[in-house]
PDB file of all heavy atoms in Angstrom:
ATOM      1  N   GLY A   1      11.782 -26.324   5.499  1.00  0.00           N
ATOM      2  CA  GLY A   1      10.354 -26.484   5.715  1.00  0.00           C
ATOM      3  C   GLY A   1       9.598 -26.629   4.421  1.00  0.00           C
ATOM      4  O   GLY A   1       9.989 -26.066   3.385  1.00  0.00           O
ATOM      5  N   MET A   2       8.528 -27.412   4.462  1.00  0.00           N
ATOM      6  CA  MET A   2       7.660 -27.640   3.306  1.00  0.00           C
ATOM      7  C   MET A   2       6.219 -27.574   3.770  1.00  0.00           C
ATOM      8  O   MET A   2       5.926 -27.774   4.942  1.00  0.00           O
ATOM      9  CB  MET A   2       7.922 -29.026   2.702  1.00  0.00           C
ATOM     10  CG  MET A   2       9.327 -29.270   2.226  1.00  0.00           C
ATOM     11  SD  MET A   2       9.619 -31.046   1.933  1.00  0.00           S
ATOM     12  CE  MET A   2       9.876 -31.611   3.621  1.00  0.00           C
ATOM     13  N   TRP A   3       5.317 -27.341   2.820  1.00  0.00           N
ATOM     14  CA  TRP A   3       3.906 -27.401   3.158  1.00  0.00           C
ATOM     15  C   TRP A   3       3.140 -28.001   1.980  1.00  0.00           C
ATOM     16  O   TRP A   3       3.594 -27.986   0.827  1.00  0.00           O
ATOM     17  CB  TRP A   3       3.356 -26.020   3.504  1.00  0.00           C
ATOM     18  CG  TRP A   3       3.199 -25.096   2.319  1.00  0.00           C
ATOM     19  CD1 TRP A   3       4.161 -24.308   1.766  1.00  0.00           C
ATOM     20  CD2 TRP A   3       2.010 -24.907   1.547  1.00  0.00           C
ATOM     21  NE1 TRP A   3       3.656 -23.624   0.691  1.00  0.00           N
ATOM     22  CE2 TRP A   3       2.330 -23.965   0.544  1.00  0.00           C
ATOM     23  CE3 TRP A   3       0.715 -25.417   1.606  1.00  0.00           C
ATOM     24  CZ2 TRP A   3       1.399 -23.536  -0.411  1.00  0.00           C
ATOM     25  CZ3 TRP A   3      -0.214 -24.993   0.670  1.00  0.00           C
ATOM     26  CH2 TRP A   3       0.122 -24.065  -0.319  1.00  0.00           C
ATOM     27  N   SER A   4       1.986 -28.558   2.278  1.00  0.00           N
ATOM     28  CA  SER A   4       1.144 -29.147   1.233  1.00  0.00           C
ATOM     29  C   SER A   4      -0.307 -29.176   1.705  1.00  0.00           C
ATOM     30  O   SER A   4      -0.579 -29.361   2.890  1.00  0.00           O
ATOM     31  CB  SER A   4       1.603 -30.573   0.906  1.00  0.00           C
ATOM     32  OG  SER A   4       0.764 -31.148  -0.084  1.00  0.00           O
ATOM     33  N   SER A   5      -1.208 -29.004   0.746  1.00  0.00           N
ATOM     34  CA  SER A   5      -2.646 -29.190   0.987  1.00  0.00           C
ATOM     35  C   SER A   5      -3.173 -30.381   0.202  1.00  0.00           C
ATOM     36  O   SER A   5      -4.370 -30.665   0.232  1.00  0.00           O
ATOM     37  CB  SER A   5      -3.418 -27.925   0.590  1.00  0.00           C
ATOM     38  OG  SER A   5      -3.198 -27.609  -0.777  1.00  0.00           O
ATOM     39  N   GLU A   6      -2.268 -31.082  -0.492  1.00  0.00           N
ATOM     40  CA  GLU A   6      -2.653 -32.208  -1.338  1.00  0.00           C
ATOM     41  C   GLU A   6      -2.724 -33.499  -0.521  1.00  0.00           C
ATOM     42  O   GLU A   6      -1.751 -33.887   0.135  1.00  0.00           O
ATOM     43  CB  GLU A   6      -1.643 -32.388  -2.472  1.00  0.00           C
ATOM     44  CG  GLU A   6      -1.952 -33.534  -3.407  1.00  0.00           C
ATOM     45  CD  GLU A   6      -0.903 -33.720  -4.474  1.00  0.00           C
ATOM     46  OE1 GLU A   6      -0.074 -32.797  -4.671  1.00  0.00           O
ATOM     47  OE2 GLU A   6      -0.890 -34.792  -5.109  1.00  0.00           O
ATOM     48  N   ALA A   7      -3.848 -34.167  -0.572  1.00  0.00           N
ATOM     49  CA  ALA A   7      -4.007 -35.422   0.164  1.00  0.00           C
ATOM     50  C   ALA A   7      -2.982 -36.446  -0.313  1.00  0.00           C
ATOM     51  O   ALA A   7      -2.809 -36.655  -1.521  1.00  0.00           O
ATOM     52  CB  ALA A   7      -5.412 -35.968  -0.023  1.00  0.00           C
ATOM     53  N   GLY A   8      -2.295 -37.068   0.629  1.00  0.00           N
ATOM     54  CA  GLY A   8      -1.328 -38.110   0.318  1.00  0.00           C
ATOM     55  C   GLY A   8       0.053 -37.619  -0.050  1.00  0.00           C
ATOM     56  O   GLY A   8       0.957 -38.437  -0.255  1.00  0.00           O
ATOM     57  N   GLN A   9       0.266 -36.312  -0.161  1.00  0.00           N
ATOM     58  CA  GLN A   9       1.597 -35.782  -0.470  1.00  0.00           C
ATOM     59  C   GLN A   9       2.437 -35.741   0.805  1.00  0.00           C
ATOM     60  O   GLN A   9       2.388 -34.793   1.584  1.00  0.00           O
ATOM     61  CB  GLN A   9       1.504 -34.388  -1.075  1.00  0.00           C
ATOM     62  CG  GLN A   9       2.856 -33.722  -1.319  1.00  0.00           C
ATOM     63  CD  GLN A   9       3.781 -34.535  -2.195  1.00  0.00           C
ATOM     64  OE1 GLN A   9       3.556 -34.631  -3.404  1.00  0.00           O
ATOM     65  NE2 GLN A   9       4.797 -35.165  -1.608  1.00  0.00           N
ATOM     66  N   ALA A  10       3.208 -36.813   1.013  1.00  0.00           N
ATOM     67  CA  ALA A  10       3.995 -36.925   2.236  1.00  0.00           C
ATOM     68  C   ALA A  10       5.235 -36.042   2.183  1.00  0.00           C
ATOM     69  O   ALA A  10       5.788 -35.766   1.107  1.00  0.00           O
ATOM     70  CB  ALA A  10       4.391 -38.374   2.474  1.00  0.00           C
ATOM     71  N   MET A  11       5.670 -35.616   3.363  1.00  0.00           N
ATOM     72  CA  MET A  11       6.874 -34.802   3.518  1.00  0.00           C
ATOM     73  C   MET A  11       7.739 -35.443   4.596  1.00  0.00           C
ATOM     74  O   MET A  11       7.226 -35.823   5.651  1.00  0.00           O
ATOM     75  CB  MET A  11       6.495 -33.376   3.916  1.00  0.00           C
ATOM     76  CG  MET A  11       5.661 -32.655   2.865  1.00  0.00           C
ATOM     77  SD  MET A  11       4.942 -31.088   3.469  1.00  0.00           S
ATOM     78  CE  MET A  11       3.578 -31.720   4.471  1.00  0.00           C
ATOM     79  N   LEU A  12       9.037 -35.553   4.319  1.00  0.00           N
ATOM     80  CA  LEU A  12       9.980 -36.161   5.259  1.00  0.00           C
ATOM     81  C   LEU A  12      10.979 -35.112   5.719  1.00  0.00           C
ATOM     82  O   LEU A  12      11.638 -34.463   4.904  1.00  0.00           O
ATOM     83  CB  LEU A  12      10.711 -37.323   4.594  1.00  0.00           C
ATOM     84  CG  LEU A  12      11.775 -38.039   5.433  1.00  0.00           C
ATOM     85  CD1 LEU A  12      11.170 -38.671   6.682  1.00  0.00           C
ATOM     86  CD2 LEU A  12      12.500 -39.099   4.592  1.00  0.00           C
ATOM     87  N   VAL A  13      11.080 -34.945   7.030  1.00  0.00           N
ATOM     88  CA  VAL A  13      12.038 -34.031   7.661  1.00  0.00           C
ATOM     89  C   VAL A  13      12.980 -34.865   8.518  1.00  0.00           C
ATOM     90  O   VAL A  13      12.532 -35.727   9.277  1.00  0.00           O
ATOM     91  CB  VAL A  13      11.304 -32.986   8.518  1.00  0.00           C
ATOM     92  CG1 VAL A  13      12.279 -32.225   9.402  1.00  0.00           C
ATOM     93  CG2 VAL A  13      10.530 -32.017   7.633  1.00  0.00           C
ATOM     94  N   LEU A  14      14.277 -34.618   8.406  1.00  0.00           N
ATOM     95  CA  LEU A  14      15.269 -35.373   9.167  1.00  0.00           C
ATOM     96  C   LEU A  14      15.776 -34.556  10.352  1.00  0.00           C
ATOM     97  O   LEU A  14      15.786 -33.320  10.319  1.00  0.00           O
ATOM     98  CB  LEU A  14      16.449 -35.752   8.272  1.00  0.00           C
ATOM     99  CG  LEU A  14      16.114 -36.498   6.982  1.00  0.00           C
ATOM    100  CD1 LEU A  14      17.397 -36.875   6.246  1.00  0.00           C
ATOM    101  CD2 LEU A  14      15.279 -37.732   7.267  1.00  0.00           C
ATOM    102  N   SER A  15      16.220 -35.258  11.394  1.00  0.00           N
ATOM    103  CA  SER A  15      16.737 -34.559  12.572  1.00  0.00           C
ATOM    104  C   SER A  15      17.656 -35.472  13.365  1.00  0.00           C
ATOM    105  O   SER A  15      17.590 -36.694  13.250  1.00  0.00           O
ATOM    106  CB  SER A  15      15.590 -34.080  13.471  1.00  0.00           C
ATOM    107  OG  SER A  15      14.852 -35.176  13.966  1.00  0.00           O
ATOM    108  N   ALA A  16      18.520 -34.833  14.173  1.00  0.00           N
ATOM    109  CA  ALA A  16      19.378 -35.590  15.085  1.00  0.00           C
ATOM    110  C   ALA A  16      19.706 -34.748  16.304  1.00  0.00           C
ATOM    111  O   ALA A  16      20.785 -34.841  16.858  1.00  0.00           O
ATOM    112  CB  ALA A  16      20.662 -36.019  14.387  1.00  0.00           C
ATOM    113  N   ASP A  17      18.801 -33.893  16.691  1.00  0.00           N
ATOM    114  CA  ASP A  17      18.793 -33.009  17.864  1.00  0.00           C
ATOM    115  C   ASP A  17      17.878 -31.818  17.603  1.00  0.00           C
ATOM    116  O   ASP A  17      17.191 -31.363  18.508  1.00  0.00           O
ATOM    117  CB  ASP A  17      20.175 -32.482  18.272  1.00  0.00           C
ATOM    118  CG  ASP A  17      20.954 -33.485  19.115  1.00  0.00           C
ATOM    119  OD1 ASP A  17      20.314 -34.349  19.772  1.00  0.00           O
ATOM    120  OD2 ASP A  17      22.191 -33.422  19.111  1.00  0.00           O
ATOM    121  N   CYS A  18      17.898 -31.275  16.363  1.00  0.00           N
ATOM    122  CA  CYS A  18      16.977 -30.198  16.015  1.00  0.00           C
ATOM    123  C   CYS A  18      15.537 -30.707  16.123  1.00  0.00           C
ATOM    124  O   CYS A  18      15.289 -31.909  16.168  1.00  0.00           O
ATOM    125  CB  CYS A  18      17.248 -29.693  14.605  1.00  0.00           C
ATOM    126  SG  CYS A  18      18.848 -28.868  14.431  1.00  0.00           S
ATOM    127  N   LEU A  19      14.606 -29.770  16.154  1.00  0.00           N
ATOM    128  CA  LEU A  19      13.208 -30.120  16.397  1.00  0.00           C
ATOM    129  C   LEU A  19      12.458 -30.387  15.090  1.00  0.00           C
ATOM    130  O   LEU A  19      12.405 -29.513  14.221  1.00  0.00           O
ATOM    131  CB  LEU A  19      12.506 -28.983  17.138  1.00  0.00           C
ATOM    132  CG  LEU A  19      13.112 -28.520  18.449  1.00  0.00           C
ATOM    133  CD1 LEU A  19      12.268 -27.390  19.036  1.00  0.00           C
ATOM    134  CD2 LEU A  19      13.244 -29.662  19.437  1.00  0.00           C
ATOM    135  N   PRO A  20      11.852 -31.572  14.952  1.00  0.00           N
ATOM    136  CA  PRO A  20      10.909 -31.791  13.859  1.00  0.00           C
ATOM    137  C   PRO A  20       9.527 -31.324  14.312  1.00  0.00           C
ATOM    138  O   PRO A  20       9.028 -31.745  15.355  1.00  0.00           O
ATOM    139  CB  PRO A  20      10.956 -33.307  13.666  1.00  0.00           C
ATOM    140  CG  PRO A  20      11.288 -33.852  15.027  1.00  0.00           C
ATOM    141  CD  PRO A  20      12.089 -32.791  15.745  1.00  0.00           C
ATOM    142  N   ILE A  21       8.924 -30.443  13.548  1.00  0.00           N
ATOM    143  CA  ILE A  21       7.669 -29.818  13.959  1.00  0.00           C
ATOM    144  C   ILE A  21       6.669 -29.871  12.807  1.00  0.00           C
ATOM    145  O   ILE A  21       7.018 -29.555  11.662  1.00  0.00           O
ATOM    146  CB  ILE A  21       7.897 -28.358  14.392  1.00  0.00           C
ATOM    147  CG1 ILE A  21       8.855 -28.309  15.588  1.00  0.00           C
ATOM    148  CG2 ILE A  21       6.572 -27.666  14.734  1.00  0.00           C
ATOM    149  CD1 ILE A  21       9.257 -26.906  16.000  1.00  0.00           C
ATOM    150  N   ALA A  22       5.439 -30.261  13.102  1.00  0.00           N
ATOM    151  CA  ALA A  22       4.354 -30.211  12.139  1.00  0.00           C
ATOM    152  C   ALA A  22       3.352 -29.162  12.577  1.00  0.00           C
ATOM    153  O   ALA A  22       3.001 -29.087  13.758  1.00  0.00           O
ATOM    154  CB  ALA A  22       3.676 -31.572  12.011  1.00  0.00           C
ATOM    155  N   VAL A  23       2.900 -28.348  11.621  1.00  0.00           N
ATOM    156  CA  VAL A  23       1.889 -27.326  11.862  1.00  0.00           C
ATOM    157  C   VAL A  23       0.765 -27.546  10.863  1.00  0.00           C
ATOM    158  O   VAL A  23       1.025 -27.740   9.670  1.00  0.00           O
ATOM    159  CB  VAL A  23       2.457 -25.906  11.688  1.00  0.00           C
ATOM    160  CG1 VAL A  23       1.431 -24.871  12.114  1.00  0.00           C
ATOM    161  CG2 VAL A  23       3.753 -25.722  12.444  1.00  0.00           C
ATOM    162  N   CYS A  24      -0.478 -27.523  11.331  1.00  0.00           N
ATOM    163  CA  CYS A  24      -1.593 -27.796  10.428  1.00  0.00           C
ATOM    164  C   CYS A  24      -2.751 -26.842  10.659  1.00  0.00           C
ATOM    165  O   CYS A  24      -2.897 -26.248  11.728  1.00  0.00           O
ATOM    166  CB  CYS A  24      -2.073 -29.238  10.587  1.00  0.00           C
ATOM    167  SG  CYS A  24      -2.852 -29.594  12.183  1.00  0.00           S
ATOM    168  N   ARG A  25      -3.577 -26.710   9.632  1.00  0.00           N
ATOM    169  CA  ARG A  25      -4.855 -26.031   9.789  1.00  0.00           C
ATOM    170  C   ARG A  25      -5.849 -26.986  10.435  1.00  0.00           C
ATOM    171  O   ARG A  25      -5.854 -28.181  10.138  1.00  0.00           O
ATOM    172  CB  ARG A  25      -5.417 -25.626   8.434  1.00  0.00           C
ATOM    173  CG  ARG A  25      -4.659 -24.573   7.663  1.00  0.00           C
ATOM    174  CD  ARG A  25      -5.390 -24.274   6.373  1.00  0.00           C
ATOM    175  NE  ARG A  25      -4.590 -23.494   5.437  1.00  0.00           N
ATOM    176  CZ  ARG A  25      -4.698 -23.587   4.117  1.00  0.00           C
ATOM    177  NH1 ARG A  25      -5.563 -24.446   3.583  1.00  0.00           N
ATOM    178  NH2 ARG A  25      -3.954 -22.837   3.335  1.00  0.00           N
ATOM    179  N   THR A  26      -6.694 -26.454  11.268  1.00  0.00           N
ATOM    180  CA  THR A  26      -7.714 -27.287  11.903  1.00  0.00           C
ATOM    181  C   THR A  26      -9.118 -26.927  11.429  1.00  0.00           C
ATOM    182  O   THR A  26     -10.096 -27.432  11.962  1.00  0.00           O
ATOM    183  CB  THR A  26      -7.649 -27.165  13.433  1.00  0.00           C
ATOM    184  OG1 THR A  26      -7.832 -25.795  13.810  1.00  0.00           O
ATOM    185  CG2 THR A  26      -6.314 -27.652  13.953  1.00  0.00           C
ATOM    186  N   GLY A  27      -9.225 -26.069  10.418  1.00  0.00           N
ATOM    187  CA  GLY A  27     -10.517 -25.712   9.861  1.00  0.00           C
ATOM    188  C   GLY A  27     -10.952 -26.680   8.772  1.00  0.00           C
ATOM    189  O   GLY A  27     -10.498 -27.824   8.705  1.00  0.00           O
ATOM    190  N   GLU A  28     -11.802 -26.205   7.874  1.00  0.00           N
ATOM    191  CA  GLU A  28     -12.398 -27.083   6.869  1.00  0.00           C
ATOM    192  C   GLU A  28     -11.468 -27.379   5.696  1.00  0.00           C
ATOM    193  O   GLU A  28     -11.697 -28.340   4.958  1.00  0.00           O
ATOM    194  CB  GLU A  28     -13.692 -26.452   6.338  1.00  0.00           C
ATOM    195  CG  GLU A  28     -14.791 -26.344   7.395  1.00  0.00           C
ATOM    196  CD  GLU A  28     -16.064 -25.754   6.843  1.00  0.00           C
ATOM    197  OE1 GLU A  28     -16.078 -25.397   5.643  1.00  0.00           O
ATOM    198  OE2 GLU A  28     -17.046 -25.648   7.600  1.00  0.00           O
ATOM    199  N   THR A  29     -10.437 -26.565   5.490  1.00  0.00           N
ATOM    200  CA  THR A  29      -9.532 -26.746   4.355  1.00  0.00           C
ATOM    201  C   THR A  29      -8.177 -27.213   4.858  1.00  0.00           C
ATOM    202  O   THR A  29      -7.375 -26.407   5.340  1.00  0.00           O
ATOM    203  CB  THR A  29      -9.365 -25.435   3.568  1.00  0.00           C
ATOM    204  OG1 THR A  29     -10.646 -24.915   3.229  1.00  0.00           O
ATOM    205  CG2 THR A  29      -8.562 -25.674   2.296  1.00  0.00           C
ATOM    206  N   PRO A  30      -7.878 -28.513   4.772  1.00  0.00           N
ATOM    207  CA  PRO A  30      -6.634 -29.034   5.353  1.00  0.00           C
ATOM    208  C   PRO A  30      -5.383 -28.520   4.633  1.00  0.00           C
ATOM    209  O   PRO A  30      -5.357 -28.375   3.410  1.00  0.00           O
ATOM    210  CB  PRO A  30      -6.778 -30.555   5.189  1.00  0.00           C
ATOM    211  CG  PRO A  30      -8.223 -30.795   4.966  1.00  0.00           C
ATOM    212  CD  PRO A  30      -8.723 -29.593   4.231  1.00  0.00           C
ATOM    213  N   ALA A  31      -4.360 -28.278   5.389  1.00  0.00           N
ATOM    214  CA  ALA A  31      -3.021 -27.986   4.880  1.00  0.00           C
ATOM    215  C   ALA A  31      -2.051 -28.214   6.026  1.00  0.00           C
ATOM    216  O   ALA A  31      -2.391 -28.021   7.198  1.00  0.00           O
ATOM    217  CB  ALA A  31      -2.913 -26.564   4.344  1.00  0.00           C
ATOM    218  N   LEU A  32      -0.831 -28.609   5.680  1.00  0.00           N
ATOM    219  CA  LEU A  32       0.135 -29.068   6.676  1.00  0.00           C
ATOM    220  C   LEU A  32       1.521 -28.585   6.304  1.00  0.00           C
ATOM    221  O   LEU A  32       1.913 -28.628   5.131  1.00  0.00           O
ATOM    222  CB  LEU A  32       0.110 -30.597   6.729  1.00  0.00           C
ATOM    223  CG  LEU A  32       1.094 -31.324   7.645  1.00  0.00           C
ATOM    224  CD1 LEU A  32       0.720 -31.113   9.105  1.00  0.00           C
ATOM    225  CD2 LEU A  32       1.085 -32.821   7.326  1.00  0.00           C
ATOM    226  N   ALA A  33       2.271 -28.122   7.295  1.00  0.00           N
ATOM    227  CA  ALA A  33       3.676 -27.769   7.104  1.00  0.00           C
ATOM    228  C   ALA A  33       4.547 -28.697   7.940  1.00  0.00           C
ATOM    229  O   ALA A  33       4.204 -29.027   9.074  1.00  0.00           O
ATOM    230  CB  ALA A  33       3.927 -26.312   7.504  1.00  0.00           C
ATOM    231  N   ALA A  34       5.681 -29.101   7.377  1.00  0.00           N
ATOM    232  CA  ALA A  34       6.652 -29.955   8.065  1.00  0.00           C
ATOM    233  C   ALA A  34       7.964 -29.185   8.148  1.00  0.00           C
ATOM    234  O   ALA A  34       8.499 -28.744   7.128  1.00  0.00           O
ATOM    235  CB  ALA A  34       6.850 -31.262   7.304  1.00  0.00           C
ATOM    236  N   VAL A  35       8.486 -29.040   9.363  1.00  0.00           N
ATOM    237  CA  VAL A  35       9.585 -28.103   9.615  1.00  0.00           C
ATOM    238  C   VAL A  35      10.724 -28.772  10.379  1.00  0.00           C
ATOM    239  O   VAL A  35      10.499 -29.550  11.311  1.00  0.00           O
ATOM    240  CB  VAL A  35       9.067 -26.895  10.429  1.00  0.00           C
ATOM    241  CG1 VAL A  35      10.205 -25.960  10.812  1.00  0.00           C
ATOM    242  CG2 VAL A  35       7.999 -26.140   9.643  1.00  0.00           C
ATOM    243  N   HIS A  36      11.958 -28.434   9.977  1.00  0.00           N
ATOM    244  CA  HIS A  36      13.175 -28.783  10.713  1.00  0.00           C
ATOM    245  C   HIS A  36      13.666 -27.500  11.374  1.00  0.00           C
ATOM    246  O   HIS A  36      14.036 -26.535  10.684  1.00  0.00           O
ATOM    247  CB  HIS A  36      14.215 -29.338   9.735  1.00  0.00           C
ATOM    248  CG  HIS A  36      15.617 -29.359  10.253  1.00  0.00           C
ATOM    249  ND1 HIS A  36      16.524 -28.346  10.009  1.00  0.00           N
ATOM    250  CD2 HIS A  36      16.284 -30.280  10.989  1.00  0.00           C
ATOM    251  CE1 HIS A  36      17.689 -28.638  10.556  1.00  0.00           C
ATOM    252  NE2 HIS A  36      17.571 -29.805  11.161  1.00  0.00           N
ATOM    253  N   ALA A  37      13.620 -27.440  12.714  1.00  0.00           N
ATOM    254  CA  ALA A  37      13.911 -26.192  13.418  1.00  0.00           C
ATOM    255  C   ALA A  37      15.050 -26.377  14.400  1.00  0.00           C
ATOM    256  O   ALA A  37      14.887 -26.993  15.454  1.00  0.00           O
ATOM    257  CB  ALA A  37      12.667 -25.691  14.151  1.00  0.00           C
ATOM    258  N   GLY A  38      16.199 -25.835  14.062  1.00  0.00           N
ATOM    259  CA  GLY A  38      17.307 -25.721  15.000  1.00  0.00           C
ATOM    260  C   GLY A  38      17.347 -24.319  15.568  1.00  0.00           C
ATOM    261  O   GLY A  38      16.442 -23.509  15.342  1.00  0.00           O
ATOM    262  N   TRP A  39      18.410 -23.975  16.298  1.00  0.00           N
ATOM    263  CA  TRP A  39      18.430 -22.663  16.945  1.00  0.00           C
ATOM    264  C   TRP A  39      18.485 -21.540  15.922  1.00  0.00           C
ATOM    265  O   TRP A  39      17.814 -20.501  16.084  1.00  0.00           O
ATOM    266  CB  TRP A  39      19.561 -22.563  17.959  1.00  0.00           C
ATOM    267  CG  TRP A  39      20.961 -22.431  17.436  1.00  0.00           C
ATOM    268  CD1 TRP A  39      21.866 -23.432  17.232  1.00  0.00           C
ATOM    269  CD2 TRP A  39      21.638 -21.208  17.091  1.00  0.00           C
ATOM    270  NE1 TRP A  39      23.050 -22.915  16.759  1.00  0.00           N
ATOM    271  CE2 TRP A  39      22.946 -21.553  16.677  1.00  0.00           C
ATOM    272  CE3 TRP A  39      21.265 -19.865  17.088  1.00  0.00           C
ATOM    273  CZ2 TRP A  39      23.879 -20.611  16.256  1.00  0.00           C
ATOM    274  CZ3 TRP A  39      22.193 -18.906  16.673  1.00  0.00           C
ATOM    275  CH2 TRP A  39      23.486 -19.290  16.258  1.00  0.00           C
ATOM    276  N   ARG A  40      19.210 -21.731  14.840  1.00  0.00           N
ATOM    277  CA  ARG A  40      19.291 -20.682  13.824  1.00  0.00           C
ATOM    278  C   ARG A  40      17.937 -20.479  13.145  1.00  0.00           C
ATOM    279  O   ARG A  40      17.500 -19.341  12.929  1.00  0.00           O
ATOM    280  CB  ARG A  40      20.355 -21.035  12.783  1.00  0.00           C
ATOM    281  CG  ARG A  40      21.780 -20.977  13.308  1.00  0.00           C
ATOM    282  CD  ARG A  40      22.780 -21.354  12.226  1.00  0.00           C
ATOM    283  NE  ARG A  40      24.156 -21.277  12.699  1.00  0.00           N
ATOM    284  CZ  ARG A  40      24.788 -22.256  13.319  1.00  0.00           C
ATOM    285  NH1 ARG A  40      24.162 -23.413  13.550  1.00  0.00           N
ATOM    286  NH2 ARG A  40      26.041 -22.105  13.717  1.00  0.00           N
ATOM    287  N   GLY A  41      17.281 -21.579  12.796  1.00  0.00           N
ATOM    288  CA  GLY A  41      15.984 -21.475  12.146  1.00  0.00           C
ATOM    289  C   GLY A  41      14.932 -20.846  13.036  1.00  0.00           C
ATOM    290  O   GLY A  41      14.105 -20.041  12.580  1.00  0.00           O
ATOM    291  N   LEU A  42      14.953 -21.211  14.319  1.00  0.00           N
ATOM    292  CA  LEU A  42      13.992 -20.618  15.245  1.00  0.00           C
ATOM    293  C   LEU A  42      14.162 -19.104  15.315  1.00  0.00           C
ATOM    294  O   LEU A  42      13.187 -18.345  15.206  1.00  0.00           O
ATOM    295  CB  LEU A  42      14.156 -21.222  16.638  1.00  0.00           C
ATOM    296  CG  LEU A  42      13.535 -22.594  16.881  1.00  0.00           C
ATOM    297  CD1 LEU A  42      13.922 -23.096  18.267  1.00  0.00           C
ATOM    298  CD2 LEU A  42      12.021 -22.544  16.744  1.00  0.00           C
TER     299      LEU A  42
END
């Protein structure tokens, strides 16, 4: 998993059955996490 609050800083997560999940803030200060979640990670 990675996170960033920097505009334009892209994150790439790979998968082939595990879950690709994005989590973000919805308030005034943007930030985003990109996650690869399999059963162990969950």
